[in-house]
Structure formats: C-alpha cells, structure tokens
N, C-alpha and C. Protein backbone atom coordinates (compact mmCIF):
# COMPACT_ATOMS: atom_id res chain seq x y z
N MET A 1 0.84 -1.17 0.00
CA MET A 1 0.00 0.00 0.00
C MET A 1 0.89 1.24 0.00
N THR A 2 0.54 2.22 -0.79
CA THR A 2 1.32 3.46 -0.89
C THR A 2 0.91 4.42 0.22
N GLU A 3 1.91 5.03 0.83
CA GLU A 3 1.64 5.99 1.89
C GLU A 3 1.39 7.35 1.26
N THR A 4 0.29 7.97 1.66
CA THR A 4 -0.04 9.30 1.16
C THR A 4 0.45 10.33 2.16
N LYS A 5 1.24 11.27 1.69
CA LYS A 5 1.73 12.34 2.56
C LYS A 5 0.92 13.59 2.29
N VAL A 6 0.50 14.22 3.34
CA VAL A 6 -0.26 15.46 3.24
C VAL A 6 0.66 16.57 3.73
N PRO A 7 1.13 17.45 2.81
CA PRO A 7 2.14 18.44 3.18
C PRO A 7 1.68 19.49 4.20
N PHE A 8 0.39 19.78 4.27
CA PHE A 8 -0.05 20.85 5.16
C PHE A 8 -0.44 20.34 6.55
N LEU A 9 -0.30 19.05 6.80
CA LEU A 9 -0.58 18.51 8.12
C LEU A 9 0.63 18.76 9.01
N PRO A 10 0.45 19.40 10.17
CA PRO A 10 1.60 19.69 11.03
C PRO A 10 2.33 18.42 11.44
N LYS A 11 3.63 18.54 11.51
CA LYS A 11 4.46 17.41 11.94
C LYS A 11 4.49 17.37 13.47
N PRO A 12 4.68 16.19 14.04
CA PRO A 12 4.77 16.11 15.51
C PRO A 12 5.86 17.02 16.07
N GLU A 13 6.94 17.19 15.33
CA GLU A 13 8.03 18.05 15.80
C GLU A 13 7.55 19.49 15.99
N ASP A 14 6.62 19.93 15.14
CA ASP A 14 6.09 21.29 15.26
C ASP A 14 5.34 21.45 16.59
N PHE A 15 4.54 20.45 16.94
CA PHE A 15 3.81 20.50 18.20
C PHE A 15 4.77 20.45 19.38
N LEU A 16 5.77 19.58 19.29
CA LEU A 16 6.75 19.47 20.37
C LEU A 16 7.49 20.78 20.57
N GLU A 17 7.84 21.44 19.48
CA GLU A 17 8.52 22.73 19.58
C GLU A 17 7.62 23.78 20.23
N ALA A 18 6.35 23.77 19.88
CA ALA A 18 5.42 24.72 20.48
C ALA A 18 5.27 24.47 21.98
N VAL A 19 5.20 23.21 22.37
CA VAL A 19 5.11 22.88 23.79
C VAL A 19 6.39 23.31 24.51
N LYS A 20 7.52 23.07 23.89
CA LYS A 20 8.80 23.46 24.48
C LYS A 20 8.86 24.97 24.70
N GLN A 21 8.40 25.73 23.74
CA GLN A 21 8.38 27.19 23.88
C GLN A 21 7.46 27.61 25.02
N GLY A 22 6.33 26.96 25.15
CA GLY A 22 5.41 27.26 26.25
C GLY A 22 6.05 26.96 27.60
N GLN A 23 6.76 25.86 27.69
CA GLN A 23 7.43 25.52 28.94
C GLN A 23 8.54 26.51 29.26
N GLN A 24 9.28 26.94 28.24
CA GLN A 24 10.34 27.91 28.47
C GLN A 24 9.76 29.24 28.96
N THR A 25 8.64 29.64 28.41
CA THR A 25 7.98 30.87 28.86
C THR A 25 7.58 30.74 30.32
N THR A 26 7.01 29.61 30.67
CA THR A 26 6.62 29.37 32.07
C THR A 26 7.83 29.45 32.99
N LEU A 27 8.92 28.83 32.59
CA LEU A 27 10.13 28.86 33.42
C LEU A 27 10.63 30.29 33.62
N ARG A 28 10.56 31.10 32.57
CA ARG A 28 10.99 32.50 32.70
C ARG A 28 10.11 33.25 33.70
N VAL A 29 8.80 33.01 33.64
CA VAL A 29 7.88 33.67 34.56
C VAL A 29 8.16 33.23 36.00
N VAL A 30 8.31 31.94 36.20
CA VAL A 30 8.56 31.42 37.54
C VAL A 30 9.90 31.92 38.08
N ASN A 31 10.92 31.93 37.23
CA ASN A 31 12.23 32.44 37.66
C ASN A 31 12.16 33.92 38.04
N ALA A 32 11.46 34.70 37.24
CA ALA A 32 11.34 36.12 37.54
C ALA A 32 10.62 36.32 38.87
N PHE A 33 9.58 35.54 39.11
CA PHE A 33 8.86 35.64 40.37
C PHE A 33 9.76 35.22 41.53
N ALA A 34 10.49 34.12 41.35
CA ALA A 34 11.37 33.63 42.42
C ALA A 34 12.45 34.67 42.74
N GLU A 35 13.00 35.30 41.73
CA GLU A 35 14.02 36.34 41.97
C GLU A 35 13.43 37.52 42.72
N SER A 36 12.21 37.90 42.38
CA SER A 36 11.60 39.03 43.09
C SER A 36 11.32 38.69 44.54
N VAL A 37 10.93 37.45 44.81
CA VAL A 37 10.67 37.03 46.19
C VAL A 37 11.97 36.97 46.98
N GLN A 38 13.05 36.54 46.35
CA GLN A 38 14.34 36.45 47.04
C GLN A 38 14.86 37.83 47.46
N SER A 39 14.46 38.85 46.73
CA SER A 39 14.93 40.19 47.07
C SER A 39 14.22 40.77 48.30
N VAL A 40 13.15 40.12 48.74
CA VAL A 40 12.43 40.59 49.92
C VAL A 40 13.15 40.09 51.16
N SER A 41 13.51 41.00 52.00
CA SER A 41 14.19 40.65 53.26
C SER A 41 13.81 41.69 54.30
N PRO A 42 14.09 41.42 55.55
CA PRO A 42 13.79 42.43 56.57
C PRO A 42 14.46 43.77 56.27
N ALA A 43 15.66 43.74 55.66
CA ALA A 43 16.34 45.00 55.34
C ALA A 43 15.57 45.79 54.30
N THR A 44 15.00 45.10 53.31
CA THR A 44 14.25 45.82 52.27
C THR A 44 12.88 46.23 52.76
N LEU A 45 12.34 45.51 53.72
CA LEU A 45 11.02 45.84 54.25
C LEU A 45 11.11 46.81 55.43
N GLY A 46 12.24 46.82 56.09
CA GLY A 46 12.38 47.64 57.28
C GLY A 46 12.12 46.84 58.54
N THR A 47 11.17 45.94 58.48
CA THR A 47 10.84 45.07 59.62
C THR A 47 10.44 43.72 59.05
N LEU A 48 10.26 42.79 59.93
CA LEU A 48 9.76 41.49 59.47
C LEU A 48 8.35 41.66 58.92
N PRO A 49 8.00 40.87 57.91
CA PRO A 49 6.65 41.01 57.35
C PRO A 49 5.58 40.63 58.37
N THR A 50 4.47 41.30 58.26
CA THR A 50 3.33 41.00 59.12
C THR A 50 2.58 39.80 58.56
N ARG A 51 1.67 39.28 59.34
CA ARG A 51 0.85 38.17 58.87
C ARG A 51 0.08 38.57 57.61
N GLU A 52 -0.42 39.82 57.59
CA GLU A 52 -1.16 40.30 56.42
C GLU A 52 -0.27 40.36 55.19
N GLN A 53 0.97 40.82 55.38
CA GLN A 53 1.91 40.88 54.25
C GLN A 53 2.23 39.48 53.75
N LEU A 54 2.44 38.55 54.66
CA LEU A 54 2.73 37.17 54.25
C LEU A 54 1.55 36.58 53.48
N THR A 55 0.34 36.87 53.97
CA THR A 55 -0.85 36.40 53.27
C THR A 55 -0.91 37.01 51.87
N GLU A 56 -0.57 38.28 51.76
CA GLU A 56 -0.55 38.94 50.45
C GLU A 56 0.48 38.30 49.53
N TYR A 57 1.65 37.95 50.05
CA TYR A 57 2.68 37.29 49.23
C TYR A 57 2.18 35.95 48.72
N VAL A 58 1.52 35.21 49.59
CA VAL A 58 0.98 33.91 49.18
C VAL A 58 -0.09 34.11 48.11
N ASP A 59 -0.96 35.08 48.32
CA ASP A 59 -2.00 35.36 47.32
C ASP A 59 -1.39 35.73 45.97
N ARG A 60 -0.35 36.56 45.99
CA ARG A 60 0.31 36.94 44.73
C ARG A 60 0.95 35.74 44.05
N ALA A 61 1.57 34.87 44.84
CA ALA A 61 2.20 33.67 44.27
C ALA A 61 1.16 32.80 43.58
N TYR A 62 0.00 32.64 44.23
CA TYR A 62 -1.04 31.83 43.61
C TYR A 62 -1.66 32.52 42.40
N GLU A 63 -1.72 33.85 42.42
CA GLU A 63 -2.21 34.57 41.24
C GLU A 63 -1.29 34.33 40.05
N VAL A 64 0.03 34.39 40.28
CA VAL A 64 0.98 34.14 39.21
C VAL A 64 0.82 32.72 38.70
N ALA A 65 0.73 31.77 39.61
CA ALA A 65 0.56 30.37 39.21
C ALA A 65 -0.73 30.19 38.41
N SER A 66 -1.78 30.86 38.83
CA SER A 66 -3.06 30.78 38.12
C SER A 66 -2.95 31.34 36.71
N GLU A 67 -2.25 32.46 36.58
CA GLU A 67 -2.06 33.06 35.25
C GLU A 67 -1.25 32.15 34.35
N VAL A 68 -0.21 31.53 34.91
CA VAL A 68 0.61 30.60 34.11
C VAL A 68 -0.24 29.41 33.67
N LEU A 69 -1.03 28.87 34.59
CA LEU A 69 -1.89 27.74 34.26
C LEU A 69 -2.92 28.12 33.20
N ALA A 70 -3.50 29.31 33.30
CA ALA A 70 -4.46 29.77 32.30
C ALA A 70 -3.80 29.93 30.94
N ALA A 71 -2.56 30.43 30.93
CA ALA A 71 -1.84 30.57 29.66
C ALA A 71 -1.57 29.20 29.05
N HIS A 72 -1.22 28.22 29.89
CA HIS A 72 -1.00 26.87 29.38
C HIS A 72 -2.28 26.26 28.84
N ARG A 73 -3.37 26.50 29.53
CA ARG A 73 -4.66 25.98 29.08
C ARG A 73 -5.00 26.55 27.70
N GLU A 74 -4.87 27.86 27.56
CA GLU A 74 -5.16 28.51 26.28
C GLU A 74 -4.24 28.00 25.18
N PHE A 75 -2.97 27.85 25.52
CA PHE A 75 -1.98 27.34 24.56
C PHE A 75 -2.35 25.93 24.10
N THR A 76 -2.71 25.07 25.05
CA THR A 76 -3.07 23.69 24.73
C THR A 76 -4.34 23.64 23.90
N GLN A 77 -5.31 24.47 24.24
CA GLN A 77 -6.54 24.51 23.45
C GLN A 77 -6.26 24.96 22.02
N THR A 78 -5.35 25.93 21.86
CA THR A 78 -4.98 26.39 20.52
C THR A 78 -4.32 25.26 19.74
N LEU A 79 -3.44 24.51 20.39
CA LEU A 79 -2.79 23.38 19.72
C LEU A 79 -3.82 22.34 19.28
N VAL A 80 -4.75 22.03 20.17
CA VAL A 80 -5.77 21.03 19.85
C VAL A 80 -6.64 21.51 18.69
N GLU A 81 -7.04 22.77 18.74
CA GLU A 81 -7.86 23.31 17.65
C GLU A 81 -7.11 23.29 16.32
N SER A 82 -5.84 23.68 16.37
CA SER A 82 -5.03 23.68 15.15
C SER A 82 -4.88 22.28 14.59
N ALA A 83 -4.63 21.33 15.47
CA ALA A 83 -4.49 19.94 15.03
C ALA A 83 -5.80 19.43 14.44
N GLY A 84 -6.91 19.78 15.10
CA GLY A 84 -8.21 19.35 14.60
C GLY A 84 -8.52 19.93 13.23
N THR A 85 -8.24 21.20 13.06
CA THR A 85 -8.45 21.85 11.76
C THR A 85 -7.58 21.23 10.68
N ALA A 86 -6.31 21.01 11.02
CA ALA A 86 -5.39 20.40 10.06
C ALA A 86 -5.84 18.98 9.70
N TYR A 87 -6.28 18.23 10.71
CA TYR A 87 -6.75 16.87 10.47
C TYR A 87 -7.97 16.86 9.56
N GLU A 88 -8.91 17.76 9.84
CA GLU A 88 -10.11 17.83 9.00
C GLU A 88 -9.77 18.20 7.57
N SER A 89 -8.84 19.14 7.40
CA SER A 89 -8.42 19.53 6.05
C SER A 89 -7.73 18.38 5.34
N ALA A 90 -6.88 17.68 6.05
CA ALA A 90 -6.16 16.55 5.46
C ALA A 90 -7.12 15.44 5.09
N THR A 91 -8.07 15.16 5.97
CA THR A 91 -9.05 14.11 5.70
C THR A 91 -9.87 14.44 4.47
N LYS A 92 -10.29 15.69 4.36
CA LYS A 92 -11.07 16.13 3.19
C LYS A 92 -10.24 16.02 1.92
N ALA A 93 -8.97 16.43 2.00
CA ALA A 93 -8.10 16.37 0.83
C ALA A 93 -7.91 14.92 0.38
N VAL A 94 -7.73 14.03 1.32
CA VAL A 94 -7.54 12.62 0.97
C VAL A 94 -8.83 12.04 0.38
N ARG A 95 -9.97 12.39 0.99
CA ARG A 95 -11.26 11.92 0.46
C ARG A 95 -11.48 12.43 -0.97
N ASP A 96 -11.21 13.73 -1.17
CA ASP A 96 -11.38 14.32 -2.50
C ASP A 96 -10.44 13.68 -3.51
N ALA A 97 -9.20 13.42 -3.08
CA ALA A 97 -8.22 12.82 -4.00
C ALA A 97 -8.60 11.39 -4.35
N THR A 98 -9.12 10.65 -3.41
CA THR A 98 -9.47 9.25 -3.69
C THR A 98 -10.81 9.13 -4.42
N ALA A 99 -11.67 10.16 -4.28
CA ALA A 99 -12.97 10.15 -4.96
C ALA A 99 -12.84 10.50 -6.43
N ALA A 100 -11.78 11.22 -6.77
CA ALA A 100 -11.64 11.69 -8.15
C ALA A 100 -11.20 10.61 -9.10
C-alpha cells in the first residue's frame, strides 16, 4: 500500500517545539517571580513582614501560578484546535483525492 503524505498537516516536531516554547515561557515567569521574592528581606522591608503581608505574598504567588496555568490551558486549546483543523483539512483532501 502506498503511503499518502499530506504536506499541510503539522508534523509532531512542530507541536513538540510549540510545547517546548510554552514551557520555556513558564520557566521564565517562575524564575522572575522567584528572583523578586528572594529580594524581599527584613532589610528591604524595614521590619519582618506581618501576617497580612505574608498572606498577600501567598495570594500573589497563587495569582501568578493561576495566570501561568491559564496561559498553558489557552496554549493547549490552541494546539488542539489547530491539530483538529489540520486533520479535518487533510481528511477532506484525501477523500477528495481518492474520490476523483
């Protein structure tokens, strides 16, 4: 049986590269946040943080994590939609080619 290649169907390497870029972006965000947290010290604050300040730091950390997770969700949904569209186009092209 002859293998039919569809040139406009994304290659797995393309998806892997997109995922890799998403992970690198996440790492940059997390590193930037970690560096900013490390710069907080009693000397920079003047005194030890209060319970309210600590709670605020925790809230901010979770907000950043939530934003990163939302970005990953959107990125993954875009990948799935792109793959679905490409698959539908490829399927139609193969059907049209075999019907002719």
